Amino acid sequence: MRILVVEDDRRPAELLRRGLAGEGYAVDVAFDGPYGLELATTNAYDVAVLAFSFVALTARLRALIRRGQRERPAAFEVGNLHIDPAAQRCSRGEAVLALTAREFSVLEYLARRRGEVVANTEVLEHVWDNDFDGDINIVEVYISALRRKIDAPYGVHTIHTVRGCGYRLEPGPAPA
């Protein structure tokens, strides 16, 4: 989920940004209304908020995710891989998988687009915030980590590379 926080007090805004990023959200911060409006009109955000209590905000975000069930399923199934965004939980069969917040965000984005080819740039755009100025290959690093956690131990291949295009999430046979 990509969030825009508009708050003129830098300290709470930065604390909120760090806390939400730690929860796996991509967060952009505007320190004044005009810049916030500019960001909101030039980027696709799932939520735009004025800063307030971190606990209250994360509870509201989870409620928004649950409320959006009509447009988005509450959980995703890809073969026997179960991804539950509201609970921030991923399992393969009966085994609960330990993923970092960022790994979960990458997997959730691929799950929302399951069956489609998703370019690295799209993953980067939806999972990382505007301030990320690192290498786009960070997506490949997270894909590799996800494969080690969700596929390799189970002898399956769920995240497929489409050479020159990106990745596709769908059930498949074990890698050769």
N, C-alpha and C. Protein backbone atom coordinates (compact mmCIF):
# COMPACT_ATOMS: atom_id res chain seq x y z
N MET A 1 0.85 -1.17 0.00
CA MET A 1 0.00 0.00 0.00
C MET A 1 0.90 1.23 0.00
N ARG A 2 0.57 2.19 -0.83
CA ARG A 2 1.34 3.44 -0.93
C ARG A 2 0.57 4.56 -0.25
N ILE A 3 1.26 5.27 0.67
CA ILE A 3 0.61 6.27 1.52
C ILE A 3 1.30 7.62 1.37
N LEU A 4 0.50 8.67 1.32
CA LEU A 4 1.00 10.04 1.35
C LEU A 4 0.65 10.62 2.71
N VAL A 5 1.67 11.10 3.44
CA VAL A 5 1.47 11.77 4.72
C VAL A 5 1.75 13.25 4.52
N VAL A 6 0.79 14.10 4.89
CA VAL A 6 0.97 15.55 4.82
C VAL A 6 0.98 16.07 6.25
N GLU A 7 2.14 16.59 6.67
CA GLU A 7 2.32 17.07 8.04
C GLU A 7 3.42 18.11 8.03
N ASP A 8 3.13 19.30 8.59
CA ASP A 8 4.13 20.37 8.55
C ASP A 8 5.16 20.27 9.67
N ASP A 9 4.92 19.49 10.68
CA ASP A 9 5.89 19.29 11.76
C ASP A 9 6.77 18.10 11.38
N ARG A 10 8.03 18.38 11.09
CA ARG A 10 8.94 17.36 10.54
C ARG A 10 9.17 16.17 11.48
N ARG A 11 9.30 16.43 12.76
CA ARG A 11 9.62 15.32 13.68
C ARG A 11 8.53 14.25 13.70
N PRO A 12 7.27 14.59 13.97
CA PRO A 12 6.26 13.53 13.95
C PRO A 12 6.06 12.94 12.56
N ALA A 13 6.24 13.76 11.52
CA ALA A 13 6.09 13.24 10.16
C ALA A 13 7.13 12.16 9.88
N GLU A 14 8.38 12.42 10.29
CA GLU A 14 9.45 11.45 10.06
C GLU A 14 9.24 10.19 10.91
N LEU A 15 8.80 10.38 12.15
CA LEU A 15 8.52 9.22 13.00
C LEU A 15 7.41 8.37 12.39
N LEU A 16 6.39 9.03 11.89
CA LEU A 16 5.28 8.33 11.26
C LEU A 16 5.75 7.60 10.00
N ARG A 17 6.57 8.28 9.18
CA ARG A 17 7.09 7.65 7.97
C ARG A 17 7.89 6.40 8.31
N ARG A 18 8.80 6.51 9.29
CA ARG A 18 9.61 5.35 9.67
C ARG A 18 8.76 4.21 10.21
N GLY A 19 7.79 4.55 11.05
CA GLY A 19 6.93 3.52 11.62
C GLY A 19 6.12 2.80 10.57
N LEU A 20 5.52 3.56 9.65
CA LEU A 20 4.72 2.94 8.59
C LEU A 20 5.60 2.13 7.64
N ALA A 21 6.79 2.64 7.33
CA ALA A 21 7.71 1.89 6.47
C ALA A 21 8.09 0.58 7.15
N GLY A 22 8.26 0.62 8.46
CA GLY A 22 8.56 -0.60 9.21
C GLY A 22 7.44 -1.61 9.17
N GLU A 23 6.22 -1.13 8.97
CA GLU A 23 5.06 -2.01 8.84
C GLU A 23 4.89 -2.53 7.41
N GLY A 24 5.77 -2.06 6.50
CA GLY A 24 5.73 -2.56 5.13
C GLY A 24 5.05 -1.64 4.13
N TYR A 25 4.66 -0.45 4.56
CA TYR A 25 4.01 0.48 3.64
C TYR A 25 5.06 1.35 2.94
N ALA A 26 4.77 1.76 1.72
CA ALA A 26 5.59 2.75 1.01
C ALA A 26 5.02 4.11 1.36
N VAL A 27 5.85 4.99 1.92
CA VAL A 27 5.35 6.25 2.47
C VAL A 27 6.12 7.44 1.89
N ASP A 28 5.37 8.41 1.37
CA ASP A 28 5.94 9.69 0.95
C ASP A 28 5.42 10.74 1.91
N VAL A 29 6.28 11.72 2.23
CA VAL A 29 5.91 12.78 3.18
C VAL A 29 6.00 14.13 2.51
N ALA A 30 4.96 14.94 2.70
CA ALA A 30 4.97 16.33 2.26
C ALA A 30 4.88 17.19 3.52
N PHE A 31 5.74 18.20 3.61
CA PHE A 31 5.77 19.03 4.81
C PHE A 31 4.91 20.28 4.69
N ASP A 32 4.18 20.41 3.58
CA ASP A 32 3.21 21.50 3.46
C ASP A 32 2.11 21.08 2.49
N GLY A 33 0.98 21.77 2.58
CA GLY A 33 -0.18 21.43 1.78
C GLY A 33 0.03 21.52 0.28
N PRO A 34 0.64 22.60 -0.24
CA PRO A 34 0.83 22.69 -1.69
C PRO A 34 1.68 21.54 -2.25
N TYR A 35 2.75 21.18 -1.53
CA TYR A 35 3.58 20.07 -2.00
C TYR A 35 2.81 18.75 -1.89
N GLY A 36 2.02 18.62 -0.82
CA GLY A 36 1.19 17.43 -0.67
C GLY A 36 0.20 17.29 -1.81
N LEU A 37 -0.41 18.40 -2.21
CA LEU A 37 -1.35 18.39 -3.34
C LEU A 37 -0.63 18.02 -4.63
N GLU A 38 0.57 18.55 -4.81
CA GLU A 38 1.35 18.22 -6.01
C GLU A 38 1.67 16.73 -6.06
N LEU A 39 2.10 16.18 -4.93
CA LEU A 39 2.39 14.74 -4.88
C LEU A 39 1.13 13.92 -5.14
N ALA A 40 0.02 14.35 -4.54
CA ALA A 40 -1.23 13.60 -4.69
C ALA A 40 -1.74 13.59 -6.13
N THR A 41 -1.44 14.65 -6.88
CA THR A 41 -1.92 14.70 -8.26
C THR A 41 -0.96 14.05 -9.25
N THR A 42 0.29 13.84 -8.84
CA THR A 42 1.26 13.25 -9.78
C THR A 42 1.60 11.80 -9.47
N ASN A 43 1.11 11.26 -8.34
CA ASN A 43 1.39 9.88 -7.96
C ASN A 43 0.10 9.17 -7.60
N ALA A 44 0.13 7.85 -7.71
CA ALA A 44 -1.04 7.04 -7.35
C ALA A 44 -0.88 6.55 -5.91
N TYR A 45 -1.65 7.13 -5.00
CA TYR A 45 -1.61 6.73 -3.60
C TYR A 45 -2.87 5.96 -3.26
N ASP A 46 -2.71 4.97 -2.37
CA ASP A 46 -3.87 4.25 -1.87
C ASP A 46 -4.56 5.05 -0.78
N VAL A 47 -3.75 5.81 -0.01
CA VAL A 47 -4.28 6.60 1.09
C VAL A 47 -3.46 7.88 1.22
N ALA A 48 -4.14 9.00 1.50
CA ALA A 48 -3.47 10.26 1.84
C ALA A 48 -4.00 10.67 3.20
N VAL A 49 -3.08 10.99 4.13
CA VAL A 49 -3.50 11.30 5.50
C VAL A 49 -2.77 12.52 6.03
N LEU A 50 -3.43 13.20 6.98
CA LEU A 50 -2.75 14.18 7.81
C LEU A 50 -2.25 13.40 9.01
N ALA A 51 -1.04 13.66 9.44
CA ALA A 51 -0.42 12.84 10.50
C ALA A 51 -1.21 12.88 11.79
N PHE A 52 -1.32 11.71 12.44
CA PHE A 52 -1.87 11.59 13.78
C PHE A 52 -1.32 10.32 14.38
N SER A 53 -1.83 9.87 15.47
CA SER A 53 -1.29 8.74 16.21
C SER A 53 -0.95 7.56 15.30
N PHE A 54 0.26 7.05 15.45
CA PHE A 54 0.71 5.90 14.65
C PHE A 54 -0.19 4.69 14.88
N VAL A 55 -0.53 4.41 16.13
CA VAL A 55 -1.38 3.26 16.44
C VAL A 55 -2.75 3.42 15.79
N ALA A 56 -3.33 4.62 15.91
CA ALA A 56 -4.64 4.86 15.31
C ALA A 56 -4.56 4.77 13.79
N LEU A 57 -3.48 5.30 13.21
CA LEU A 57 -3.33 5.26 11.76
C LEU A 57 -3.20 3.83 11.24
N THR A 58 -2.36 3.00 11.87
CA THR A 58 -2.22 1.62 11.39
C THR A 58 -3.53 0.86 11.55
N ALA A 59 -4.28 1.13 12.61
CA ALA A 59 -5.59 0.48 12.78
C ALA A 59 -6.54 0.90 11.66
N ARG A 60 -6.52 2.19 11.32
CA ARG A 60 -7.39 2.68 10.23
C ARG A 60 -6.98 2.09 8.89
N LEU A 61 -5.67 1.96 8.65
CA LEU A 61 -5.19 1.38 7.39
C LEU A 61 -5.64 -0.08 7.27
N ARG A 62 -5.55 -0.82 8.36
CA ARG A 62 -6.02 -2.21 8.33
C ARG A 62 -7.52 -2.26 8.07
N ALA A 63 -8.25 -1.33 8.67
CA ALA A 63 -9.70 -1.27 8.43
C ALA A 63 -9.99 -0.94 6.97
N LEU A 64 -9.21 -0.03 6.38
CA LEU A 64 -9.39 0.28 4.95
C LEU A 64 -9.13 -0.93 4.08
N ILE A 65 -8.11 -1.70 4.43
CA ILE A 65 -7.81 -2.92 3.68
C ILE A 65 -8.99 -3.87 3.77
N ARG A 66 -9.53 -4.06 4.98
CA ARG A 66 -10.68 -4.95 5.15
C ARG A 66 -11.91 -4.42 4.41
N ARG A 67 -12.14 -3.10 4.48
CA ARG A 67 -13.31 -2.49 3.84
C ARG A 67 -13.23 -2.63 2.33
N GLY A 68 -12.04 -2.62 1.80
CA GLY A 68 -11.86 -2.72 0.35
C GLY A 68 -12.05 -4.12 -0.19
N GLN A 69 -12.62 -5.02 0.60
CA GLN A 69 -12.77 -6.41 0.17
C GLN A 69 -13.58 -6.57 -1.10
N ARG A 70 -14.49 -5.67 -1.37
CA ARG A 70 -15.30 -5.82 -2.57
C ARG A 70 -14.45 -5.66 -3.83
N GLU A 71 -13.46 -4.77 -3.77
CA GLU A 71 -12.61 -4.55 -4.92
C GLU A 71 -11.43 -5.50 -4.93
N ARG A 72 -10.92 -5.83 -3.76
CA ARG A 72 -9.75 -6.69 -3.64
C ARG A 72 -10.08 -7.83 -2.68
N PRO A 73 -9.68 -9.04 -3.01
CA PRO A 73 -9.95 -10.13 -2.08
C PRO A 73 -9.16 -9.93 -0.78
N ALA A 74 -9.73 -10.43 0.32
CA ALA A 74 -9.08 -10.28 1.61
C ALA A 74 -7.79 -11.08 1.66
N ALA A 75 -7.76 -12.19 0.95
CA ALA A 75 -6.57 -13.04 0.93
C ALA A 75 -6.41 -13.60 -0.49
N PHE A 76 -5.20 -14.03 -0.79
CA PHE A 76 -4.90 -14.56 -2.11
C PHE A 76 -4.40 -15.98 -1.98
N GLU A 77 -4.78 -16.81 -2.93
CA GLU A 77 -4.31 -18.18 -3.01
C GLU A 77 -3.58 -18.34 -4.34
N VAL A 78 -2.36 -18.82 -4.28
CA VAL A 78 -1.58 -19.13 -5.48
C VAL A 78 -1.07 -20.54 -5.26
N GLY A 79 -1.77 -21.52 -5.84
CA GLY A 79 -1.48 -22.91 -5.50
C GLY A 79 -1.81 -23.09 -4.02
N ASN A 80 -0.86 -23.64 -3.25
CA ASN A 80 -1.11 -23.78 -1.81
C ASN A 80 -0.42 -22.66 -1.01
N LEU A 81 -0.05 -21.58 -1.70
CA LEU A 81 0.50 -20.39 -1.04
C LEU A 81 -0.66 -19.48 -0.69
N HIS A 82 -0.78 -19.15 0.59
CA HIS A 82 -1.87 -18.31 1.08
C HIS A 82 -1.27 -16.98 1.56
N ILE A 83 -1.78 -15.87 1.03
CA ILE A 83 -1.28 -14.54 1.38
C ILE A 83 -2.46 -13.74 1.93
N ASP A 84 -2.34 -13.33 3.19
CA ASP A 84 -3.42 -12.60 3.86
C ASP A 84 -2.94 -11.19 4.22
N PRO A 85 -3.23 -10.18 3.38
CA PRO A 85 -2.76 -8.82 3.63
C PRO A 85 -3.28 -8.22 4.93
N ALA A 86 -4.52 -8.47 5.28
CA ALA A 86 -5.08 -7.88 6.49
C ALA A 86 -4.35 -8.37 7.73
N ALA A 87 -3.96 -9.63 7.75
CA ALA A 87 -3.25 -10.20 8.89
C ALA A 87 -1.74 -10.13 8.73
N GLN A 88 -1.27 -9.67 7.55
CA GLN A 88 0.17 -9.64 7.25
C GLN A 88 0.77 -11.02 7.49
N ARG A 89 0.10 -12.05 6.95
CA ARG A 89 0.53 -13.43 7.16
C ARG A 89 0.59 -14.17 5.84
N CYS A 90 1.60 -15.01 5.73
CA CYS A 90 1.79 -15.82 4.53
C CYS A 90 2.07 -17.24 4.97
N SER A 91 1.44 -18.20 4.29
CA SER A 91 1.68 -19.60 4.63
C SER A 91 1.69 -20.44 3.36
N ARG A 92 2.37 -21.55 3.45
CA ARG A 92 2.40 -22.54 2.37
C ARG A 92 1.86 -23.80 3.00
N GLY A 93 0.65 -24.20 2.60
CA GLY A 93 0.00 -25.32 3.28
C GLY A 93 -0.25 -24.93 4.72
N GLU A 94 0.22 -25.74 5.65
CA GLU A 94 0.05 -25.47 7.08
C GLU A 94 1.22 -24.67 7.66
N ALA A 95 2.30 -24.51 6.90
CA ALA A 95 3.50 -23.84 7.41
C ALA A 95 3.39 -22.33 7.26
N VAL A 96 3.49 -21.61 8.37
CA VAL A 96 3.51 -20.15 8.35
C VAL A 96 4.92 -19.71 7.98
N LEU A 97 5.02 -18.79 7.01
CA LEU A 97 6.32 -18.34 6.51
C LEU A 97 6.70 -17.02 7.16
N ALA A 98 7.94 -16.92 7.60
CA ALA A 98 8.44 -15.70 8.23
C ALA A 98 9.00 -14.79 7.15
N LEU A 99 8.28 -13.70 6.85
CA LEU A 99 8.72 -12.73 5.86
C LEU A 99 8.93 -11.38 6.54
N THR A 100 9.90 -10.62 6.04
CA THR A 100 10.06 -9.25 6.51
C THR A 100 8.89 -8.43 5.97
N ALA A 101 8.69 -7.24 6.51
CA ALA A 101 7.61 -6.37 6.05
C ALA A 101 7.77 -6.05 4.56
N ARG A 102 8.99 -5.78 4.11
CA ARG A 102 9.23 -5.44 2.70
C ARG A 102 9.02 -6.67 1.81
N GLU A 103 9.49 -7.84 2.24
CA GLU A 103 9.26 -9.06 1.47
C GLU A 103 7.76 -9.30 1.31
N PHE A 104 7.02 -9.11 2.41
CA PHE A 104 5.57 -9.30 2.34
C PHE A 104 4.94 -8.31 1.37
N SER A 105 5.39 -7.07 1.39
CA SER A 105 4.84 -6.06 0.48
C SER A 105 5.09 -6.40 -0.98
N VAL A 106 6.29 -6.89 -1.28
CA VAL A 106 6.60 -7.30 -2.66
C VAL A 106 5.69 -8.46 -3.07
N LEU A 107 5.59 -9.46 -2.19
CA LEU A 107 4.76 -10.62 -2.50
C LEU A 107 3.29 -10.23 -2.64
N GLU A 108 2.81 -9.36 -1.76
CA GLU A 108 1.42 -8.92 -1.84
C GLU A 108 1.14 -8.20 -3.15
N TYR A 109 2.06 -7.34 -3.58
CA TYR A 109 1.85 -6.64 -4.85
C TYR A 109 1.80 -7.62 -6.01
N LEU A 110 2.70 -8.59 -6.02
CA LEU A 110 2.67 -9.61 -7.08
C LEU A 110 1.37 -10.41 -7.01
N ALA A 111 0.90 -10.69 -5.80
CA ALA A 111 -0.34 -11.46 -5.64
C ALA A 111 -1.54 -10.68 -6.16
N ARG A 112 -1.56 -9.38 -5.93
CA ARG A 112 -2.66 -8.56 -6.44
C ARG A 112 -2.68 -8.56 -7.97
N ARG A 113 -1.53 -8.81 -8.57
CA ARG A 113 -1.42 -8.84 -10.03
C ARG A 113 -1.16 -10.26 -10.53
N ARG A 114 -1.49 -11.28 -9.73
CA ARG A 114 -1.14 -12.67 -10.05
C ARG A 114 -1.60 -13.03 -11.47
N GLY A 115 -0.71 -13.78 -12.12
CA GLY A 115 -0.97 -14.19 -13.50
C GLY A 115 -0.51 -13.17 -14.52
N GLU A 116 -0.24 -11.94 -14.10
CA GLU A 116 0.22 -10.88 -15.00
C GLU A 116 1.74 -10.71 -14.86
N VAL A 117 2.37 -10.23 -15.93
CA VAL A 117 3.78 -9.90 -15.86
C VAL A 117 3.91 -8.51 -15.24
N VAL A 118 4.73 -8.41 -14.18
CA VAL A 118 4.90 -7.16 -13.46
C VAL A 118 6.38 -6.76 -13.58
N ALA A 119 6.62 -5.58 -14.12
CA ALA A 119 7.98 -5.09 -14.31
C ALA A 119 8.61 -4.68 -12.98
N ASN A 120 9.94 -4.77 -12.91
CA ASN A 120 10.67 -4.33 -11.72
C ASN A 120 10.28 -2.91 -11.34
N THR A 121 10.14 -2.04 -12.34
CA THR A 121 9.83 -0.64 -12.07
C THR A 121 8.47 -0.49 -11.40
N GLU A 122 7.51 -1.34 -11.77
CA GLU A 122 6.19 -1.29 -11.14
C GLU A 122 6.28 -1.70 -9.68
N VAL A 123 7.02 -2.77 -9.41
CA VAL A 123 7.19 -3.22 -8.02
C VAL A 123 7.85 -2.11 -7.22
N LEU A 124 8.91 -1.54 -7.77
CA LEU A 124 9.63 -0.47 -7.09
C LEU A 124 8.71 0.71 -6.81
N GLU A 125 7.89 1.07 -7.77
CA GLU A 125 6.98 2.21 -7.66
C GLU A 125 5.92 2.01 -6.59
N HIS A 126 5.46 0.77 -6.41
CA HIS A 126 4.36 0.52 -5.48
C HIS A 126 4.81 0.06 -4.10
N VAL A 127 6.03 -0.41 -3.97
CA VAL A 127 6.48 -0.94 -2.69
C VAL A 127 7.47 -0.01 -1.99
N TRP A 128 8.25 0.74 -2.75
CA TRP A 128 9.20 1.68 -2.17
C TRP A 128 8.64 3.09 -2.31
N ASP A 129 9.12 4.02 -1.50
CA ASP A 129 8.59 5.38 -1.57
C ASP A 129 9.39 6.23 -2.56
N ASN A 130 8.95 7.46 -2.76
CA ASN A 130 9.59 8.37 -3.72
C ASN A 130 11.02 8.71 -3.36
N ASP A 131 11.37 8.62 -2.07
CA ASP A 131 12.71 8.97 -1.63
C ASP A 131 13.75 7.89 -1.93
N PHE A 132 13.31 6.72 -2.36
CA PHE A 132 14.27 5.65 -2.66
C PHE A 132 15.09 6.06 -3.88
N ASP A 133 16.40 6.11 -3.69
CA ASP A 133 17.26 6.47 -4.81
C ASP A 133 18.33 5.41 -5.05
N GLY A 134 18.05 4.21 -4.59
CA GLY A 134 18.99 3.11 -4.77
C GLY A 134 18.83 2.46 -6.14
N ASP A 135 19.46 1.33 -6.28
CA ASP A 135 19.47 0.58 -7.53
C ASP A 135 18.17 -0.20 -7.70
N ILE A 136 17.64 -0.21 -8.90
CA ILE A 136 16.41 -0.95 -9.20
C ILE A 136 16.60 -2.45 -8.97
N ASN A 137 17.84 -2.90 -8.95
CA ASN A 137 18.11 -4.32 -8.72
C ASN A 137 17.70 -4.77 -7.32
N ILE A 138 17.33 -3.83 -6.45
CA ILE A 138 16.84 -4.20 -5.13
C ILE A 138 15.62 -5.11 -5.26
N VAL A 139 14.84 -4.92 -6.31
CA VAL A 139 13.67 -5.78 -6.52
C VAL A 139 14.13 -7.22 -6.73
N GLU A 140 15.18 -7.42 -7.51
CA GLU A 140 15.71 -8.77 -7.74
C GLU A 140 16.21 -9.39 -6.45
N VAL A 141 16.80 -8.59 -5.58
CA VAL A 141 17.28 -9.08 -4.28
C VAL A 141 16.10 -9.62 -3.47
N TYR A 142 15.01 -8.87 -3.44
CA TYR A 142 13.83 -9.31 -2.67
C TYR A 142 13.14 -10.50 -3.32
N ILE A 143 13.10 -10.55 -4.64
CA ILE A 143 12.53 -11.71 -5.33
C ILE A 143 13.33 -12.96 -4.98
N SER A 144 14.64 -12.84 -5.00
CA SER A 144 15.50 -13.97 -4.65
C SER A 144 15.25 -14.43 -3.21
N ALA A 145 15.14 -13.48 -2.29
CA ALA A 145 14.87 -13.83 -0.89
C ALA A 145 13.51 -14.51 -0.76
N LEU A 146 12.52 -14.01 -1.48
CA LEU A 146 11.19 -14.63 -1.44
C LEU A 146 11.23 -16.05 -1.98
N ARG A 147 11.94 -16.25 -3.07
CA ARG A 147 12.04 -17.62 -3.63
C ARG A 147 12.67 -18.58 -2.63
N ARG A 148 13.68 -18.11 -1.90
CA ARG A 148 14.33 -18.96 -0.89
C ARG A 148 13.37 -19.31 0.24
N LYS A 149 12.44 -18.42 0.54
CA LYS A 149 11.54 -18.65 1.66
C LYS A 149 10.24 -19.35 1.27
N ILE A 150 9.66 -18.96 0.13
CA ILE A 150 8.32 -19.49 -0.19
C ILE A 150 8.33 -20.64 -1.19
N ASP A 151 9.41 -20.80 -1.93
CA ASP A 151 9.45 -21.83 -2.97
C ASP A 151 10.45 -22.96 -2.70
N ALA A 152 11.71 -22.61 -2.53
CA ALA A 152 12.79 -23.60 -2.45
C ALA A 152 12.54 -24.70 -1.41
N PRO A 153 12.12 -24.36 -0.18
CA PRO A 153 11.92 -25.43 0.81
C PRO A 153 10.78 -26.38 0.46
N TYR A 154 9.93 -25.99 -0.45
CA TYR A 154 8.74 -26.79 -0.78
C TYR A 154 8.82 -27.41 -2.16
N GLY A 155 9.93 -27.18 -2.87
CA GLY A 155 10.12 -27.78 -4.18
C GLY A 155 9.13 -27.29 -5.22
N VAL A 156 8.72 -26.03 -5.12
CA VAL A 156 7.78 -25.46 -6.09
C VAL A 156 8.38 -24.20 -6.69
N HIS A 157 7.72 -23.68 -7.69
CA HIS A 157 8.17 -22.47 -8.39
C HIS A 157 6.95 -21.58 -8.59
N THR A 158 6.85 -20.55 -7.76
CA THR A 158 5.68 -19.67 -7.78
C THR A 158 5.98 -18.32 -8.43
N ILE A 159 7.19 -17.80 -8.20
CA ILE A 159 7.58 -16.52 -8.80
C ILE A 159 8.39 -16.83 -10.05
N HIS A 160 7.81 -16.54 -11.20
CA HIS A 160 8.44 -16.85 -12.49
C HIS A 160 9.06 -15.59 -13.08
N THR A 161 10.26 -15.74 -13.62
CA THR A 161 10.91 -14.63 -14.31
C THR A 161 10.50 -14.66 -15.77
N VAL A 162 10.08 -13.53 -16.28
CA VAL A 162 9.79 -13.38 -17.70
C VAL A 162 10.91 -12.49 -18.23
N ARG A 163 11.87 -13.12 -18.88
CA ARG A 163 13.10 -12.42 -19.29
C ARG A 163 12.81 -11.12 -20.03
N GLY A 164 13.47 -10.06 -19.56
CA GLY A 164 13.35 -8.76 -20.19
C GLY A 164 12.06 -8.02 -19.87
N CYS A 165 11.18 -8.66 -19.08
CA CYS A 165 9.88 -8.04 -18.78
C CYS A 165 9.63 -7.85 -17.29
N GLY A 166 9.87 -8.89 -16.49
CA GLY A 166 9.60 -8.80 -15.06
C GLY A 166 9.29 -10.15 -14.46
N TYR A 167 8.28 -10.18 -13.58
CA TYR A 167 7.95 -11.39 -12.84
C TYR A 167 6.45 -11.65 -12.91
N ARG A 168 6.12 -12.94 -12.80
CA ARG A 168 4.71 -13.35 -12.78
C ARG A 168 4.54 -14.33 -11.63
N LEU A 169 3.50 -14.12 -10.81
CA LEU A 169 3.21 -15.00 -9.69
C LEU A 169 2.10 -15.96 -10.12
N GLU A 170 2.43 -17.25 -10.15
CA GLU A 170 1.44 -18.28 -10.46
C GLU A 170 2.03 -19.63 -10.06
N PRO A 171 1.17 -20.60 -9.74
CA PRO A 171 1.69 -21.91 -9.36
C PRO A 171 2.40 -22.56 -10.55
N GLY A 172 3.42 -23.31 -10.24
CA GLY A 172 4.14 -23.98 -11.32
C GLY A 172 4.95 -25.15 -10.79
N PRO A 173 5.56 -25.89 -11.68
CA PRO A 173 6.36 -27.05 -11.26
C PRO A 173 7.66 -26.60 -10.58
N ALA A 174 8.31 -27.54 -9.94
CA ALA A 174 9.61 -27.25 -9.31
C ALA A 174 10.60 -26.80 -10.37
N PRO A 175 11.49 -25.87 -9.97
CA PRO A 175 12.50 -25.40 -10.95
C PRO A 175 13.43 -26.52 -11.36
N ALA A 176 13.89 -26.45 -12.60
CA ALA A 176 14.77 -27.51 -13.14
C ALA A 176 16.19 -27.34 -12.65
